[in-house]
Structures are given as structure tokens and as C-alpha cells.
PDB file of all heavy atoms in Angstrom:
ATOM      1  N   SER A   1    -108.810-115.090  44.669  1.00  0.00           N
ATOM      2  CA  SER A   1    -109.806-115.153  45.742  1.00  0.00           C
ATOM      3  C   SER A   1    -110.009-116.584  46.217  1.00  0.00           C
ATOM      4  O   SER A   1    -110.193-116.839  47.419  1.00  0.00           O
ATOM      5  CB  SER A   1    -111.133-114.562  45.260  1.00  0.00           C
ATOM      6  OG  SER A   1    -110.972-113.214  44.856  1.00  0.00           O
ATOM      7  N   ASP A   2    -109.973-117.541  45.283  1.00  0.00           N
ATOM      8  CA  ASP A   2    -110.121-118.952  45.672  1.00  0.00           C
ATOM      9  C   ASP A   2    -108.943-119.420  46.515  1.00  0.00           C
ATOM     10  O   ASP A   2    -109.116-120.189  47.469  1.00  0.00           O
ATOM     11  CB  ASP A   2    -110.238-119.824  44.418  1.00  0.00           C
ATOM     12  CG  ASP A   2    -111.540-119.602  43.681  1.00  0.00           C
ATOM     13  OD1 ASP A   2    -112.460-119.009  44.280  1.00  0.00           O
ATOM     14  OD2 ASP A   2    -111.638-119.998  42.500  1.00  0.00           O
ATOM     15  N   LEU A   3    -107.750-118.982  46.178  1.00  0.00           N
ATOM     16  CA  LEU A   3    -106.565-119.442  46.888  1.00  0.00           C
ATOM     17  C   LEU A   3    -106.515-118.936  48.331  1.00  0.00           C
ATOM     18  O   LEU A   3    -105.960-119.604  49.202  1.00  0.00           O
ATOM     19  CB  LEU A   3    -105.301-118.998  46.147  1.00  0.00           C
ATOM     20  CG  LEU A   3    -105.042-119.678  44.793  1.00  0.00           C
ATOM     21  CD1 LEU A   3    -103.838-119.050  44.111  1.00  0.00           C
ATOM     22  CD2 LEU A   3    -104.815-121.169  44.971  1.00  0.00           C
ATOM     23  N   ILE A   4    -107.085-117.763  48.591  1.00  0.00           N
ATOM     24  CA  ILE A   4    -107.045-117.207  49.942  1.00  0.00           C
ATOM     25  C   ILE A   4    -108.338-117.465  50.712  1.00  0.00           C
ATOM     26  O   ILE A   4    -108.469-117.055  51.865  1.00  0.00           O
ATOM     27  CB  ILE A   4    -106.763-115.694  49.916  1.00  0.00           C
ATOM     28  CG1 ILE A   4    -107.873-114.949  49.189  1.00  0.00           C
ATOM     29  CG2 ILE A   4    -105.409-115.419  49.280  1.00  0.00           C
ATOM     30  CD1 ILE A   4    -107.689-113.436  49.172  1.00  0.00           C
ATOM     31  N   ASN A   5    -109.294-118.172  50.084  1.00  0.00           N
ATOM     32  CA  ASN A   5    -110.568-118.472  50.742  1.00  0.00           C
ATOM     33  C   ASN A   5    -110.406-119.729  51.593  1.00  0.00           C
ATOM     34  O   ASN A   5    -110.073-120.799  51.080  1.00  0.00           O
ATOM     35  CB  ASN A   5    -111.659-118.678  49.692  1.00  0.00           C
ATOM     36  CG  ASN A   5    -113.036-118.785  50.321  1.00  0.00           C
ATOM     37  OD1 ASN A   5    -113.174-118.888  51.531  1.00  0.00           O
ATOM     38  ND2 ASN A   5    -114.064-118.748  49.492  1.00  0.00           N
ATOM     39  N   ASN A   6    -110.666-119.599  52.881  1.00  0.00           N
ATOM     40  CA  ASN A   6    -110.482-120.722  53.803  1.00  0.00           C
ATOM     41  C   ASN A   6    -111.680-121.662  53.839  1.00  0.00           C
ATOM     42  O   ASN A   6    -111.610-122.731  54.451  1.00  0.00           O
ATOM     43  CB  ASN A   6    -110.220-120.197  55.218  1.00  0.00           C
ATOM     44  CG  ASN A   6    -109.704-121.272  56.147  1.00  0.00           C
ATOM     45  OD1 ASN A   6    -108.929-122.136  55.745  1.00  0.00           O
ATOM     46  ND2 ASN A   6    -110.142-121.243  57.398  1.00  0.00           N
ATOM     47  N   GLN A   7    -112.801-121.293  53.195  1.00  0.00           N
ATOM     48  CA  GLN A   7    -114.020-122.096  53.243  1.00  0.00           C
ATOM     49  C   GLN A   7    -114.355-122.755  51.913  1.00  0.00           C
ATOM     50  O   GLN A   7    -115.386-123.416  51.803  1.00  0.00           O
ATOM     51  CB  GLN A   7    -115.210-121.206  53.672  1.00  0.00           C
ATOM     52  CG  GLN A   7    -115.012-120.473  54.976  1.00  0.00           C
ATOM     53  CD  GLN A   7    -114.816-121.417  56.143  1.00  0.00           C
ATOM     54  OE1 GLN A   7    -115.396-122.502  56.182  1.00  0.00           O
ATOM     55  NE2 GLN A   7    -113.998-121.011  57.113  1.00  0.00           N
ATOM     56  N   LEU A   8    -113.489-122.614  50.933  1.00  0.00           N
ATOM     57  CA  LEU A   8    -113.799-123.114  49.598  1.00  0.00           C
ATOM     58  C   LEU A   8    -113.659-124.630  49.556  1.00  0.00           C
ATOM     59  O   LEU A   8    -112.687-125.187  50.076  1.00  0.00           O
ATOM     60  CB  LEU A   8    -112.863-122.473  48.570  1.00  0.00           C
ATOM     61  CG  LEU A   8    -113.301-122.542  47.106  1.00  0.00           C
ATOM     62  CD1 LEU A   8    -114.529-121.664  46.904  1.00  0.00           C
ATOM     63  CD2 LEU A   8    -112.178-122.082  46.188  1.00  0.00           C
ATOM     64  N   PRO A   9    -114.603-125.352  48.935  1.00  0.00           N
ATOM     65  CA  PRO A   9    -114.459-126.811  48.802  1.00  0.00           C
ATOM     66  C   PRO A   9    -113.417-127.168  47.754  1.00  0.00           C
ATOM     67  O   PRO A   9    -112.970-126.321  46.963  1.00  0.00           O
ATOM     68  CB  PRO A   9    -115.861-127.267  48.385  1.00  0.00           C
ATOM     69  CG  PRO A   9    -116.445-126.070  47.690  1.00  0.00           C
ATOM     70  CD  PRO A   9    -115.893-124.872  48.405  1.00  0.00           C
ATOM     71  N   SER A  10    -113.031-128.422  47.729  1.00  0.00           N
ATOM     72  CA  SER A  10    -112.059-128.891  46.734  1.00  0.00           C
ATOM     73  C   SER A  10    -112.647-128.759  45.334  1.00  0.00           C
ATOM     74  O   SER A  10    -113.791-129.172  45.087  1.00  0.00           O
ATOM     75  CB  SER A  10    -111.693-130.353  47.004  1.00  0.00           C
ATOM     76  OG  SER A  10    -111.155-130.511  48.288  1.00  0.00           O
ATOM     77  N   HIS A  11    -111.877-128.197  44.419  1.00  0.00           N
ATOM     78  CA  HIS A  11    -112.331-128.081  43.043  1.00  0.00           C
ATOM     79  C   HIS A  11    -111.137-127.816  42.144  1.00  0.00           C
ATOM     80  O   HIS A  11    -110.032-127.498  42.606  1.00  0.00           O
ATOM     81  CB  HIS A  11    -113.381-126.982  42.885  1.00  0.00           C
ATOM     82  CG  HIS A  11    -112.810-125.594  42.928  1.00  0.00           C
ATOM     83  ND1 HIS A  11    -112.420-124.987  44.088  1.00  0.00           N
ATOM     84  CD2 HIS A  11    -112.549-124.698  41.925  1.00  0.00           C
ATOM     85  CE1 HIS A  11    -111.955-123.776  43.826  1.00  0.00           C
ATOM     86  NE2 HIS A  11    -112.010-123.575  42.521  1.00  0.00           N
ATOM     87  N   PHE A  12    -111.363-127.948  40.837  1.00  0.00           N
ATOM     88  CA  PHE A  12    -110.317-127.760  39.835  1.00  0.00           C
ATOM     89  C   PHE A  12    -110.803-126.779  38.790  1.00  0.00           C
ATOM     90  O   PHE A  12    -111.976-126.783  38.404  1.00  0.00           O
ATOM     91  CB  PHE A  12    -109.961-129.100  39.174  1.00  0.00           C
ATOM     92  CG  PHE A  12    -109.019-128.969  38.001  1.00  0.00           C
ATOM     93  CD1 PHE A  12    -107.659-128.781  38.210  1.00  0.00           C
ATOM     94  CD2 PHE A  12    -109.493-129.030  36.708  1.00  0.00           C
ATOM     95  CE1 PHE A  12    -106.799-128.644  37.139  1.00  0.00           C
ATOM     96  CE2 PHE A  12    -108.639-128.901  35.622  1.00  0.00           C
ATOM     97  CZ  PHE A  12    -107.290-128.707  35.841  1.00  0.00           C
ATOM     98  N   ASP A  13    -109.872-125.933  38.326  1.00  0.00           N
ATOM     99  CA  ASP A  13    -110.162-124.999  37.238  1.00  0.00           C
ATOM    100  C   ASP A  13    -108.872-124.801  36.444  1.00  0.00           C
ATOM    101  O   ASP A  13    -107.782-125.156  36.907  1.00  0.00           O
ATOM    102  CB  ASP A  13    -110.681-123.674  37.795  1.00  0.00           C
ATOM    103  CG  ASP A  13    -111.447-122.869  36.739  1.00  0.00           C
ATOM    104  OD1 ASP A  13    -111.556-123.353  35.599  1.00  0.00           O
ATOM    105  OD2 ASP A  13    -111.923-121.766  37.062  1.00  0.00           O
ATOM    106  N   TYR A  14    -108.991-124.222  35.280  1.00  0.00           N
ATOM    107  CA  TYR A  14    -107.801-124.081  34.434  1.00  0.00           C
ATOM    108  C   TYR A  14    -107.956-122.878  33.519  1.00  0.00           C
ATOM    109  O   TYR A  14    -109.064-122.376  33.253  1.00  0.00           O
ATOM    110  CB  TYR A  14    -107.565-125.349  33.606  1.00  0.00           C
ATOM    111  CG  TYR A  14    -108.653-125.653  32.610  1.00  0.00           C
ATOM    112  CD1 TYR A  14    -108.585-125.195  31.290  1.00  0.00           C
ATOM    113  CD2 TYR A  14    -109.768-126.397  32.989  1.00  0.00           C
ATOM    114  CE1 TYR A  14    -109.589-125.471  30.389  1.00  0.00           C
ATOM    115  CE2 TYR A  14    -110.774-126.682  32.088  1.00  0.00           C
ATOM    116  CZ  TYR A  14    -110.688-126.217  30.787  1.00  0.00           C
ATOM    117  OH  TYR A  14    -111.700-126.486  29.888  1.00  0.00           O
ATOM    118  N   THR A  15    -106.817-122.403  33.044  1.00  0.00           N
ATOM    119  CA  THR A  15    -106.740-121.406  31.979  1.00  0.00           C
ATOM    120  C   THR A  15    -105.791-121.949  30.918  1.00  0.00           C
ATOM    121  O   THR A  15    -105.279-123.065  31.034  1.00  0.00           O
ATOM    122  CB  THR A  15    -106.229-120.057  32.530  1.00  0.00           C
ATOM    123  OG1 THR A  15    -104.872-120.225  32.991  1.00  0.00           O
ATOM    124  CG2 THR A  15    -107.086-119.565  33.685  1.00  0.00           C
ATOM    125  N   SER A  16    -105.529-121.141  29.905  1.00  0.00           N
ATOM    126  CA  SER A  16    -104.620-121.596  28.841  1.00  0.00           C
ATOM    127  C   SER A  16    -103.158-121.539  29.271  1.00  0.00           C
ATOM    128  O   SER A  16    -102.299-122.102  28.593  1.00  0.00           O
ATOM    129  CB  SER A  16    -104.816-120.735  27.577  1.00  0.00           C
ATOM    130  OG  SER A  16    -104.564-119.367  27.876  1.00  0.00           O
ATOM    131  N   TRP A  17    -102.855-120.895  30.419  1.00  0.00           N
ATOM    132  CA  TRP A  17    -101.452-120.790  30.828  1.00  0.00           C
ATOM    133  C   TRP A  17    -101.170-121.407  32.199  1.00  0.00           C
ATOM    134  O   TRP A  17    -100.014-121.521  32.588  1.00  0.00           O
ATOM    135  CB  TRP A  17    -100.981-119.329  30.789  1.00  0.00           C
ATOM    136  CG  TRP A  17    -101.729-118.385  31.692  1.00  0.00           C
ATOM    137  CD1 TRP A  17    -101.399-118.016  32.949  1.00  0.00           C
ATOM    138  CD2 TRP A  17    -102.933-117.685  31.380  1.00  0.00           C
ATOM    139  NE1 TRP A  17    -102.323-117.138  33.465  1.00  0.00           N
ATOM    140  CE2 TRP A  17    -103.274-116.906  32.513  1.00  0.00           C
ATOM    141  CE3 TRP A  17    -103.780-117.619  30.251  1.00  0.00           C
ATOM    142  CZ2 TRP A  17    -104.412-116.096  32.549  1.00  0.00           C
ATOM    143  CZ3 TRP A  17    -104.897-116.815  30.301  1.00  0.00           C
ATOM    144  CH2 TRP A  17    -105.200-116.072  31.441  1.00  0.00           C
ATOM    145  N   TYR A  18    -102.180-121.836  32.930  1.00  0.00           N
ATOM    146  CA  TYR A  18    -101.927-122.547  34.190  1.00  0.00           C
ATOM    147  C   TYR A  18    -103.185-123.313  34.591  1.00  0.00           C
ATOM    148  O   TYR A  18    -104.296-123.050  34.107  1.00  0.00           O
ATOM    149  CB  TYR A  18    -101.497-121.585  35.303  1.00  0.00           C
ATOM    150  CG  TYR A  18    -102.587-120.678  35.824  1.00  0.00           C
ATOM    151  CD1 TYR A  18    -103.415-121.067  36.872  1.00  0.00           C
ATOM    152  CD2 TYR A  18    -102.795-119.411  35.265  1.00  0.00           C
ATOM    153  CE1 TYR A  18    -104.403-120.241  37.352  1.00  0.00           C
ATOM    154  CE2 TYR A  18    -103.786-118.576  35.726  1.00  0.00           C
ATOM    155  CZ  TYR A  18    -104.598-118.998  36.774  1.00  0.00           C
ATOM    156  OH  TYR A  18    -105.587-118.182  37.231  1.00  0.00           O
ATOM    157  N   ASP A  19    -102.982-124.281  35.481  1.00  0.00           N
ATOM    158  CA  ASP A  19    -104.078-125.034  36.093  1.00  0.00           C
ATOM    159  C   ASP A  19    -104.154-124.670  37.568  1.00  0.00           C
ATOM    160  O   ASP A  19    -103.131-124.423  38.212  1.00  0.00           O
ATOM    161  CB  ASP A  19    -103.862-126.544  35.953  1.00  0.00           C
ATOM    162  CG  ASP A  19    -103.886-126.994  34.507  1.00  0.00           C
ATOM    163  OD1 ASP A  19    -104.657-126.411  33.720  1.00  0.00           O
ATOM    164  OD2 ASP A  19    -103.110-127.914  34.164  1.00  0.00           O
ATOM    165  N   MET A  20    -105.364-124.662  38.107  1.00  0.00           N
ATOM    166  CA  MET A  20    -105.564-124.284  39.507  1.00  0.00           C
ATOM    167  C   MET A  20    -106.364-125.376  40.216  1.00  0.00           C
ATOM    168  O   MET A  20    -107.444-125.774  39.760  1.00  0.00           O
ATOM    169  CB  MET A  20    -106.290-122.942  39.595  1.00  0.00           C
ATOM    170  CG  MET A  20    -106.128-122.216  40.930  1.00  0.00           C
ATOM    171  SD  MET A  20    -107.311-122.714  42.192  1.00  0.00           S
ATOM    172  CE  MET A  20    -108.829-122.109  41.480  1.00  0.00           C
ATOM    173  N   LEU A  21    -105.820-125.874  41.321  1.00  0.00           N
ATOM    174  CA  LEU A  21    -106.464-126.918  42.109  1.00  0.00           C
ATOM    175  C   LEU A  21    -106.532-126.468  43.563  1.00  0.00           C
ATOM    176  O   LEU A  21    -105.525-126.044  44.129  1.00  0.00           O
ATOM    177  CB  LEU A  21    -105.687-128.238  42.005  1.00  0.00           C
ATOM    178  CG  LEU A  21    -106.193-129.394  42.867  1.00  0.00           C
ATOM    179  CD1 LEU A  21    -107.548-129.887  42.353  1.00  0.00           C
ATOM    180  CD2 LEU A  21    -105.186-130.544  42.885  1.00  0.00           C
ATOM    181  N   VAL A  22    -107.710-126.568  44.146  1.00  0.00           N
ATOM    182  CA  VAL A  22    -107.903-126.365  45.583  1.00  0.00           C
ATOM    183  C   VAL A  22    -108.274-127.711  46.174  1.00  0.00           C
ATOM    184  O   VAL A  22    -109.235-128.349  45.726  1.00  0.00           O
ATOM    185  CB  VAL A  22    -108.994-125.317  45.870  1.00  0.00           C
ATOM    186  CG1 VAL A  22    -109.261-125.232  47.375  1.00  0.00           C
ATOM    187  CG2 VAL A  22    -108.587-123.965  45.323  1.00  0.00           C
ATOM    188  N   PHE A  23    -107.509-128.146  47.156  1.00  0.00           N
ATOM    189  CA  PHE A  23    -107.685-129.490  47.722  1.00  0.00           C
ATOM    190  C   PHE A  23    -107.735-129.376  49.234  1.00  0.00           C
ATOM    191  O   PHE A  23    -106.798-128.897  49.860  1.00  0.00           O
ATOM    192  CB  PHE A  23    -106.521-130.389  47.294  1.00  0.00           C
ATOM    193  CG  PHE A  23    -106.779-131.852  47.492  1.00  0.00           C
ATOM    194  CD1 PHE A  23    -107.435-132.596  46.534  1.00  0.00           C
ATOM    195  CD2 PHE A  23    -106.371-132.496  48.655  1.00  0.00           C
ATOM    196  CE1 PHE A  23    -107.674-133.941  46.701  1.00  0.00           C
ATOM    197  CE2 PHE A  23    -106.606-133.834  48.838  1.00  0.00           C
ATOM    198  CZ  PHE A  23    -107.256-134.566  47.856  1.00  0.00           C
ATOM    199  N   ARG A  24    -108.843-129.811  49.818  1.00  0.00           N
ATOM    200  CA  ARG A  24    -108.992-129.761  51.276  1.00  0.00           C
ATOM    201  C   ARG A  24    -108.292-130.968  51.890  1.00  0.00           C
ATOM    202  O   ARG A  24    -108.547-132.111  51.517  1.00  0.00           O
ATOM    203  CB  ARG A  24    -110.461-129.742  51.669  1.00  0.00           C
ATOM    204  CG  ARG A  24    -111.224-128.526  51.136  1.00  0.00           C
ATOM    205  CD  ARG A  24    -112.607-128.447  51.739  1.00  0.00           C
ATOM    206  NE  ARG A  24    -112.550-127.984  53.116  1.00  0.00           N
ATOM    207  CZ  ARG A  24    -112.632-126.701  53.481  1.00  0.00           C
ATOM    208  NH1 ARG A  24    -112.760-125.762  52.562  1.00  0.00           N
ATOM    209  NH2 ARG A  24    -112.572-126.353  54.748  1.00  0.00           N
ATOM    210  N   ARG A  25    -107.434-130.693  52.843  1.00  0.00           N
ATOM    211  CA  ARG A  25    -106.692-131.758  53.502  1.00  0.00           C
ATOM    212  C   ARG A  25    -107.549-132.403  54.591  1.00  0.00           C
ATOM    213  O   ARG A  25    -108.560-131.843  55.039  1.00  0.00           O
ATOM    214  CB  ARG A  25    -105.424-131.189  54.132  1.00  0.00           C
ATOM    215  CG  ARG A  25    -105.708-130.159  55.216  1.00  0.00           C
ATOM    216  CD  ARG A  25    -104.458-129.616  55.853  1.00  0.00           C
ATOM    217  NE  ARG A  25    -104.771-128.733  56.973  1.00  0.00           N
ATOM    218  CZ  ARG A  25    -103.881-128.246  57.804  1.00  0.00           C
ATOM    219  NH1 ARG A  25    -102.616-128.540  57.656  1.00  0.00           N
ATOM    220  NH2 ARG A  25    -104.243-127.447  58.788  1.00  0.00           N
ATOM    221  N   LEU A  26    -107.151-133.589  55.010  1.00  0.00           N
ATOM    222  CA  LEU A  26    -107.765-134.298  56.141  1.00  0.00           C
ATOM    223  C   LEU A  26    -106.660-134.560  57.149  1.00  0.00           C
ATOM    224  O   LEU A  26    -105.847-135.457  56.972  1.00  0.00           O
ATOM    225  CB  LEU A  26    -108.402-135.611  55.684  1.00  0.00           C
ATOM    226  CG  LEU A  26    -109.571-135.501  54.705  1.00  0.00           C
ATOM    227  CD1 LEU A  26    -110.004-136.877  54.246  1.00  0.00           C
ATOM    228  CD2 LEU A  26    -110.732-134.769  55.334  1.00  0.00           C
TER     229      LEU A  26
END
């Protein structure tokens, strides 16, 4: 849901098998 959300701010999260980063471009 975070990956397909167009309004989500930049943030970082992780699990034991992958890391997830959402980064807003300028």
C-alpha cells in the first residue's frame, strides 16, 4: 500500500528479509 500511495511522505521501514524506502523526489 505504501509503494502505490502517491501521497505518502518519505520514510523508511524494514523486515527481517527486506528493507523498504519511500523517497519523494524533487
